[in-house]
Amino acid sequence: MSDEWKEWVGLTPLERFARSEQILVEYIAQGGSLDPDPDPTSPFDAPETWRPDLAHGRASLRLLRRGAG
């Protein structure tokens, strides 16, 4: 288990929530969006409502996942 993961597991639920809020604020500040990705297979899909600043309906930031090891 990485040191970063051990640190996260060692936090209380309230501390994790506070850190998650900070991460969300940083994500939004960097141009991230909470808008859902469009789903062309959905009967509720409405391409005319997509925001023009999203490339191919997706935010320009990518989330990278770290391994647990």
PDB file of N, CA and C in Angstrom:
ATOM      1  N   MET A   1       0.851  -1.173   0.000  1.00  0.00           N
ATOM      2  CA  MET A   1       0.000   0.000   0.000  1.00  0.00           C
ATOM      3  C   MET A   1       0.902   1.243   0.000  1.00  0.00           C
ATOM      4  N   SER A   2       0.616   2.187  -0.882  1.00  0.00           N
ATOM      5  CA  SER A   2       1.445   3.389  -0.986  1.00  0.00           C
ATOM      6  C   SER A   2       1.240   4.291   0.231  1.00  0.00           C
ATOM      7  N   ASP A   3       2.214   5.153   0.466  1.00  0.00           N
ATOM      8  CA  ASP A   3       2.123   6.093   1.584  1.00  0.00           C
ATOM      9  C   ASP A   3       0.927   7.021   1.430  1.00  0.00           C
ATOM     10  N   GLU A   4       0.653   7.436   0.195  1.00  0.00           N
ATOM     11  CA  GLU A   4      -0.486   8.323  -0.060  1.00  0.00           C
ATOM     12  C   GLU A   4      -1.789   7.618   0.308  1.00  0.00           C
ATOM     13  N   TRP A   5      -1.914   6.347  -0.053  1.00  0.00           N
ATOM     14  CA  TRP A   5      -3.125   5.581   0.262  1.00  0.00           C
ATOM     15  C   TRP A   5      -3.247   5.379   1.776  1.00  0.00           C
ATOM     16  N   LYS A   6      -2.130   5.069   2.437  1.00  0.00           N
ATOM     17  CA  LYS A   6      -2.149   4.894   3.896  1.00  0.00           C
ATOM     18  C   LYS A   6      -2.592   6.179   4.592  1.00  0.00           C
ATOM     19  N   GLU A   7      -2.114   7.312   4.080  1.00  0.00           N
ATOM     20  CA  GLU A   7      -2.507   8.596   4.655  1.00  0.00           C
ATOM     21  C   GLU A   7      -4.015   8.803   4.515  1.00  0.00           C
ATOM     22  N   TRP A   8      -4.556   8.486   3.330  1.00  0.00           N
ATOM     23  CA  TRP A   8      -5.995   8.667   3.083  1.00  0.00           C
ATOM     24  C   TRP A   8      -6.824   7.758   3.999  1.00  0.00           C
ATOM     25  N   VAL A   9      -6.410   6.501   4.126  1.00  0.00           N
ATOM     26  CA  VAL A   9      -7.138   5.551   4.964  1.00  0.00           C
ATOM     27  C   VAL A   9      -7.087   5.973   6.436  1.00  0.00           C
ATOM     28  N   GLY A  10      -6.009   6.625   6.825  1.00  0.00           N
ATOM     29  CA  GLY A  10      -5.847   7.063   8.209  1.00  0.00           C
ATOM     30  C   GLY A  10      -6.677   8.284   8.585  1.00  0.00           C
ATOM     31  N   LEU A  11      -7.286   8.941   7.605  1.00  0.00           N
ATOM     32  CA  LEU A  11      -8.103  10.119   7.892  1.00  0.00           C
ATOM     33  C   LEU A  11      -9.469   9.713   8.435  1.00  0.00           C
ATOM     34  N   THR A  12     -10.052  10.599   9.213  1.00  0.00           N
ATOM     35  CA  THR A  12     -11.425  10.369   9.669  1.00  0.00           C
ATOM     36  C   THR A  12     -12.358  10.672   8.505  1.00  0.00           C
ATOM     37  N   PRO A  13     -13.594  10.194   8.567  1.00  0.00           N
ATOM     38  CA  PRO A  13     -14.549  10.505   7.500  1.00  0.00           C
ATOM     39  C   PRO A  13     -14.715  12.014   7.281  1.00  0.00           C
ATOM     40  N   LEU A  14     -14.719  12.786   8.341  1.00  0.00           N
ATOM     41  CA  LEU A  14     -14.860  14.240   8.209  1.00  0.00           C
ATOM     42  C   LEU A  14     -13.638  14.848   7.513  1.00  0.00           C
ATOM     43  N   GLU A  15     -12.442  14.353   7.828  1.00  0.00           N
ATOM     44  CA  GLU A  15     -11.230  14.844   7.162  1.00  0.00           C
ATOM     45  C   GLU A  15     -11.234  14.465   5.683  1.00  0.00           C
ATOM     46  N   ARG A  16     -11.681  13.257   5.365  1.00  0.00           N
ATOM     47  CA  ARG A  16     -11.770  12.835   3.957  1.00  0.00           C
ATOM     48  C   ARG A  16     -12.757  13.710   3.199  1.00  0.00           C
ATOM     49  N   PHE A  17     -13.880  14.018   3.821  1.00  0.00           N
ATOM     50  CA  PHE A  17     -14.882  14.869   3.183  1.00  0.00           C
ATOM     51  C   PHE A  17     -14.296  16.249   2.890  1.00  0.00           C
ATOM     52  N   ALA A  18     -13.576  16.821   3.850  1.00  0.00           N
ATOM     53  CA  ALA A  18     -12.964  18.141   3.662  1.00  0.00           C
ATOM     54  C   ALA A  18     -11.940  18.104   2.532  1.00  0.00           C
ATOM     55  N   ARG A  19     -11.128  17.048   2.478  1.00  0.00           N
ATOM     56  CA  ARG A  19     -10.143  16.927   1.394  1.00  0.00           C
ATOM     57  C   ARG A  19     -10.830  16.757   0.046  1.00  0.00           C
ATOM     58  N   SER A  20     -11.917  15.990   0.028  1.00  0.00           N
ATOM     59  CA  SER A  20     -12.662  15.795  -1.218  1.00  0.00           C
ATOM     60  C   SER A  20     -13.235  17.120  -1.719  1.00  0.00           C
ATOM     61  N   GLU A  21     -13.709  17.950  -0.798  1.00  0.00           N
ATOM     62  CA  GLU A  21     -14.201  19.276  -1.186  1.00  0.00           C
ATOM     63  C   GLU A  21     -13.090  20.095  -1.832  1.00  0.00           C
ATOM     64  N   GLN A  22     -11.888  20.046  -1.248  1.00  0.00           N
ATOM     65  CA  GLN A  22     -10.747  20.779  -1.808  1.00  0.00           C
ATOM     66  C   GLN A  22     -10.423  20.277  -3.217  1.00  0.00           C
ATOM     67  N   ILE A  23     -10.446  18.974  -3.403  1.00  0.00           N
ATOM     68  CA  ILE A  23     -10.156  18.387  -4.716  1.00  0.00           C
ATOM     69  C   ILE A  23     -11.193  18.847  -5.731  1.00  0.00           C
ATOM     70  N   LEU A  24     -12.468  18.877  -5.340  1.00  0.00           N
ATOM     71  CA  LEU A  24     -13.527  19.313  -6.242  1.00  0.00           C
ATOM     72  C   LEU A  24     -13.342  20.773  -6.637  1.00  0.00           C
ATOM     73  N   VAL A  25     -12.996  21.634  -5.690  1.00  0.00           N
ATOM     74  CA  VAL A  25     -12.775  23.048  -5.983  1.00  0.00           C
ATOM     75  C   VAL A  25     -11.630  23.199  -6.988  1.00  0.00           C
ATOM     76  N   GLU A  26     -10.547  22.450  -6.798  1.00  0.00           N
ATOM     77  CA  GLU A  26      -9.411  22.509  -7.724  1.00  0.00           C
ATOM     78  C   GLU A  26      -9.814  22.006  -9.112  1.00  0.00           C
ATOM     79  N   TYR A  27     -10.591  20.945  -9.169  1.00  0.00           N
ATOM     80  CA  TYR A  27     -11.046  20.385 -10.441  1.00  0.00           C
ATOM     81  C   TYR A  27     -11.875  21.406 -11.212  1.00  0.00           C
ATOM     82  N   ILE A  28     -12.810  22.061 -10.537  1.00  0.00           N
ATOM     83  CA  ILE A  28     -13.655  23.072 -11.179  1.00  0.00           C
ATOM     84  C   ILE A  28     -12.797  24.266 -11.623  1.00  0.00           C
ATOM     85  N   ALA A  29     -11.842  24.688 -10.788  1.00  0.00           N
ATOM     86  CA  ALA A  29     -10.974  25.826 -11.120  1.00  0.00           C
ATOM     87  C   ALA A  29     -10.127  25.542 -12.362  1.00  0.00           C
ATOM     88  N   GLN A  30      -9.816  24.286 -12.610  1.00  0.00           N
ATOM     89  CA  GLN A  30      -9.006  23.915 -13.770  1.00  0.00           C
ATOM     90  C   GLN A  30      -9.855  23.663 -15.010  1.00  0.00           C
ATOM     91  N   GLY A  31     -11.146  23.959 -14.925  1.00  0.00           N
ATOM     92  CA  GLY A  31     -12.003  23.819 -16.095  1.00  0.00           C
ATOM     93  C   GLY A  31     -12.829  22.553 -16.121  1.00  0.00           C
ATOM     94  N   GLY A  32     -12.789  21.780 -15.061  1.00  0.00           N
ATOM     95  CA  GLY A  32     -13.589  20.561 -14.999  1.00  0.00           C
ATOM     96  C   GLY A  32     -15.071  20.893 -14.946  1.00  0.00           C
ATOM     97  N   SER A  33     -15.887  19.935 -15.279  1.00  0.00           N
ATOM     98  CA  SER A  33     -17.327  20.142 -15.312  1.00  0.00           C
ATOM     99  C   SER A  33     -18.041  18.998 -14.616  1.00  0.00           C
ATOM    100  N   LEU A  34     -19.165  19.315 -14.010  1.00  0.00           N
ATOM    101  CA  LEU A  34     -19.988  18.286 -13.385  1.00  0.00           C
ATOM    102  C   LEU A  34     -21.111  17.842 -14.311  1.00  0.00           C
ATOM    103  N   ASP A  35     -21.131  18.407 -15.518  1.00  0.00           N
ATOM    104  CA  ASP A  35     -22.140  18.001 -16.494  1.00  0.00           C
ATOM    105  C   ASP A  35     -21.892  16.547 -16.887  1.00  0.00           C
ATOM    106  N   PRO A  36     -22.943  15.750 -17.007  1.00  0.00           N
ATOM    107  CA  PRO A  36     -22.744  14.354 -17.407  1.00  0.00           C
ATOM    108  C   PRO A  36     -22.303  14.255 -18.866  1.00  0.00           C
ATOM    109  N   ASP A  37     -21.592  13.192 -19.185  1.00  0.00           N
ATOM    110  CA  ASP A  37     -21.215  12.947 -20.574  1.00  0.00           C
ATOM    111  C   ASP A  37     -22.481  12.615 -21.359  1.00  0.00           C
ATOM    112  N   PRO A  38     -22.584  13.097 -22.600  1.00  0.00           N
ATOM    113  CA  PRO A  38     -23.765  12.772 -23.398  1.00  0.00           C
ATOM    114  C   PRO A  38     -23.824  11.275 -23.704  1.00  0.00           C
ATOM    115  N   ASP A  39     -25.025  10.758 -23.788  1.00  0.00           N
ATOM    116  CA  ASP A  39     -25.231   9.349 -24.092  1.00  0.00           C
ATOM    117  C   ASP A  39     -26.137   9.251 -25.311  1.00  0.00           C
ATOM    118  N   PRO A  40     -25.552   9.108 -26.502  1.00  0.00           N
ATOM    119  CA  PRO A  40     -26.363   9.077 -27.715  1.00  0.00           C
ATOM    120  C   PRO A  40     -27.326   7.897 -27.784  1.00  0.00           C
ATOM    121  N   THR A  41     -27.149   6.892 -26.928  1.00  0.00           N
ATOM    122  CA  THR A  41     -28.069   5.762 -26.938  1.00  0.00           C
ATOM    123  C   THR A  41     -29.286   5.993 -26.041  1.00  0.00           C
ATOM    124  N   SER A  42     -29.258   7.080 -25.274  1.00  0.00           N
ATOM    125  CA  SER A  42     -30.360   7.369 -24.369  1.00  0.00           C
ATOM    126  C   SER A  42     -31.524   8.023 -25.110  1.00  0.00           C
ATOM    127  N   PRO A  43     -32.757   7.659 -24.769  1.00  0.00           N
ATOM    128  CA  PRO A  43     -33.907   8.328 -25.396  1.00  0.00           C
ATOM    129  C   PRO A  43     -34.030   9.788 -24.937  1.00  0.00           C
ATOM    130  N   PHE A  44     -33.304  10.158 -23.893  1.00  0.00           N
ATOM    131  CA  PHE A  44     -33.344  11.525 -23.378  1.00  0.00           C
ATOM    132  C   PHE A  44     -32.198  12.376 -23.905  1.00  0.00           C
ATOM    133  N   ASP A  45     -31.390  11.816 -24.794  1.00  0.00           N
ATOM    134  CA  ASP A  45     -30.249  12.536 -25.354  1.00  0.00           C
ATOM    135  C   ASP A  45     -30.734  13.704 -26.201  1.00  0.00           C
ATOM    136  N   ALA A  46     -30.176  14.884 -25.946  1.00  0.00           N
ATOM    137  CA  ALA A  46     -30.549  16.079 -26.705  1.00  0.00           C
ATOM    138  C   ALA A  46     -29.273  16.820 -27.106  1.00  0.00           C
ATOM    139  N   PRO A  47     -28.677  16.483 -28.257  1.00  0.00           N
ATOM    140  CA  PRO A  47     -27.413  17.095 -28.664  1.00  0.00           C
ATOM    141  C   PRO A  47     -27.461  18.619 -28.707  1.00  0.00           C
ATOM    142  N   GLU A  48     -28.618  19.206 -28.966  1.00  0.00           N
ATOM    143  CA  GLU A  48     -28.704  20.674 -29.042  1.00  0.00           C
ATOM    144  C   GLU A  48     -28.491  21.333 -27.679  1.00  0.00           C
ATOM    145  N   THR A  49     -28.520  20.552 -26.594  1.00  0.00           N
ATOM    146  CA  THR A  49     -28.294  21.130 -25.268  1.00  0.00           C
ATOM    147  C   THR A  49     -26.864  20.960 -24.789  1.00  0.00           C
ATOM    148  N   TRP A  50     -26.016  20.289 -25.571  1.00  0.00           N
ATOM    149  CA  TRP A  50     -24.626  20.116 -25.167  1.00  0.00           C
ATOM    150  C   TRP A  50     -23.932  21.460 -25.134  1.00  0.00           C
ATOM    151  N   ARG A  51     -23.047  21.617 -24.184  1.00  0.00           N
ATOM    152  CA  ARG A  51     -22.293  22.865 -24.072  1.00  0.00           C
ATOM    153  C   ARG A  51     -21.198  22.887 -25.145  1.00  0.00           C
ATOM    154  N   PRO A  52     -21.018  24.018 -25.825  1.00  0.00           N
ATOM    155  CA  PRO A  52     -20.021  24.082 -26.903  1.00  0.00           C
ATOM    156  C   PRO A  52     -18.578  24.011 -26.415  1.00  0.00           C
ATOM    157  N   ASP A  53     -18.322  24.289 -25.132  1.00  0.00           N
ATOM    158  CA  ASP A  53     -16.942  24.277 -24.650  1.00  0.00           C
ATOM    159  C   ASP A  53     -16.455  22.869 -24.301  1.00  0.00           C
ATOM    160  N   LEU A  54     -17.283  21.864 -24.506  1.00  0.00           N
ATOM    161  CA  LEU A  54     -16.863  20.498 -24.248  1.00  0.00           C
ATOM    162  C   LEU A  54     -16.476  19.832 -25.570  1.00  0.00           C
ATOM    163  N   ALA A  55     -15.285  19.285 -25.602  1.00  0.00           N
ATOM    164  CA  ALA A  55     -14.817  18.603 -26.814  1.00  0.00           C
ATOM    165  C   ALA A  55     -15.487  17.249 -26.912  1.00  0.00           C
ATOM    166  N   HIS A  56     -16.231  17.034 -27.964  1.00  0.00           N
ATOM    167  CA  HIS A  56     -16.930  15.774 -28.188  1.00  0.00           C
ATOM    168  C   HIS A  56     -17.814  15.403 -26.998  1.00  0.00           C
ATOM    169  N   GLY A  57     -18.355  16.418 -26.321  1.00  0.00           N
ATOM    170  CA  GLY A  57     -19.239  16.160 -25.198  1.00  0.00           C
ATOM    171  C   GLY A  57     -18.525  15.787 -23.911  1.00  0.00           C
ATOM    172  N   ARG A  58     -17.208  15.866 -23.908  1.00  0.00           N
ATOM    173  CA  ARG A  58     -16.442  15.484 -22.717  1.00  0.00           C
ATOM    174  C   ARG A  58     -15.584  16.655 -22.260  1.00  0.00           C
ATOM    175  N   ALA A  59     -15.329  16.707 -20.974  1.00  0.00           N
ATOM    176  CA  ALA A  59     -14.454  17.743 -20.430  1.00  0.00           C
ATOM    177  C   ALA A  59     -13.037  17.532 -20.962  1.00  0.00           C
ATOM    178  N   SER A  60     -12.269  18.597 -21.000  1.00  0.00           N
ATOM    179  CA  SER A  60     -10.932  18.503 -21.565  1.00  0.00           C
ATOM    180  C   SER A  60      -9.928  17.895 -20.591  1.00  0.00           C
ATOM    181  N   LEU A  61     -10.281  17.762 -19.325  1.00  0.00           N
ATOM    182  CA  LEU A  61      -9.371  17.161 -18.359  1.00  0.00           C
ATOM    183  C   LEU A  61      -9.599  15.659 -18.295  1.00  0.00           C
ATOM    184  N   ARG A  62      -8.516  14.940 -18.095  1.00  0.00           N
ATOM    185  CA  ARG A  62      -8.637  13.501 -17.940  1.00  0.00           C
ATOM    186  C   ARG A  62      -8.304  13.148 -16.494  1.00  0.00           C
ATOM    187  N   LEU A  63      -9.017  12.205 -15.953  1.00  0.00           N
ATOM    188  CA  LEU A  63      -8.710  11.721 -14.614  1.00  0.00           C
ATOM    189  C   LEU A  63      -7.805  10.520 -14.753  1.00  0.00           C
ATOM    190  N   LEU A  64      -6.710  10.531 -14.016  1.00  0.00           N
ATOM    191  CA  LEU A  64      -5.778   9.419 -14.042  1.00  0.00           C
ATOM    192  C   LEU A  64      -5.937   8.631 -12.764  1.00  0.00           C
ATOM    193  N   ARG A  65      -6.006   7.336 -12.890  1.00  0.00           N
ATOM    194  CA  ARG A  65      -6.164   6.486 -11.718  1.00  0.00           C
ATOM    195  C   ARG A  65      -4.813   5.922 -11.322  1.00  0.00           C
ATOM    196  N   ARG A  66      -4.580   5.922 -10.046  1.00  0.00           N
ATOM    197  CA  ARG A  66      -3.349   5.331  -9.536  1.00  0.00           C
ATOM    198  C   ARG A  66      -3.625   3.921  -9.040  1.00  0.00           C
ATOM    199  N   GLY A  67      -2.662   3.082  -9.192  1.00  0.00           N
ATOM    200  CA  GLY A  67      -2.806   1.722  -8.704  1.00  0.00           C
ATOM    201  C   GLY A  67      -2.798   1.682  -7.187  1.00  0.00           C
ATOM    202  N   ALA A  68      -3.329   0.640  -6.626  1.00  0.00           N
ATOM    203  CA  ALA A  68      -3.402   0.509  -5.178  1.00  0.00           C
ATOM    204  C   ALA A  68      -2.058   0.092  -4.572  1.00  0.00           C
ATOM    205  N   GLY A  69      -1.109  -0.270  -5.409  1.00  0.00           N
ATOM    206  CA  GLY A  69       0.141  -0.812  -4.888  1.00  0.00           C
ATOM    207  C   GLY A  69       1.223   0.143  -4.853  1.00  0.00           C
TER     208      GLY A  69
END
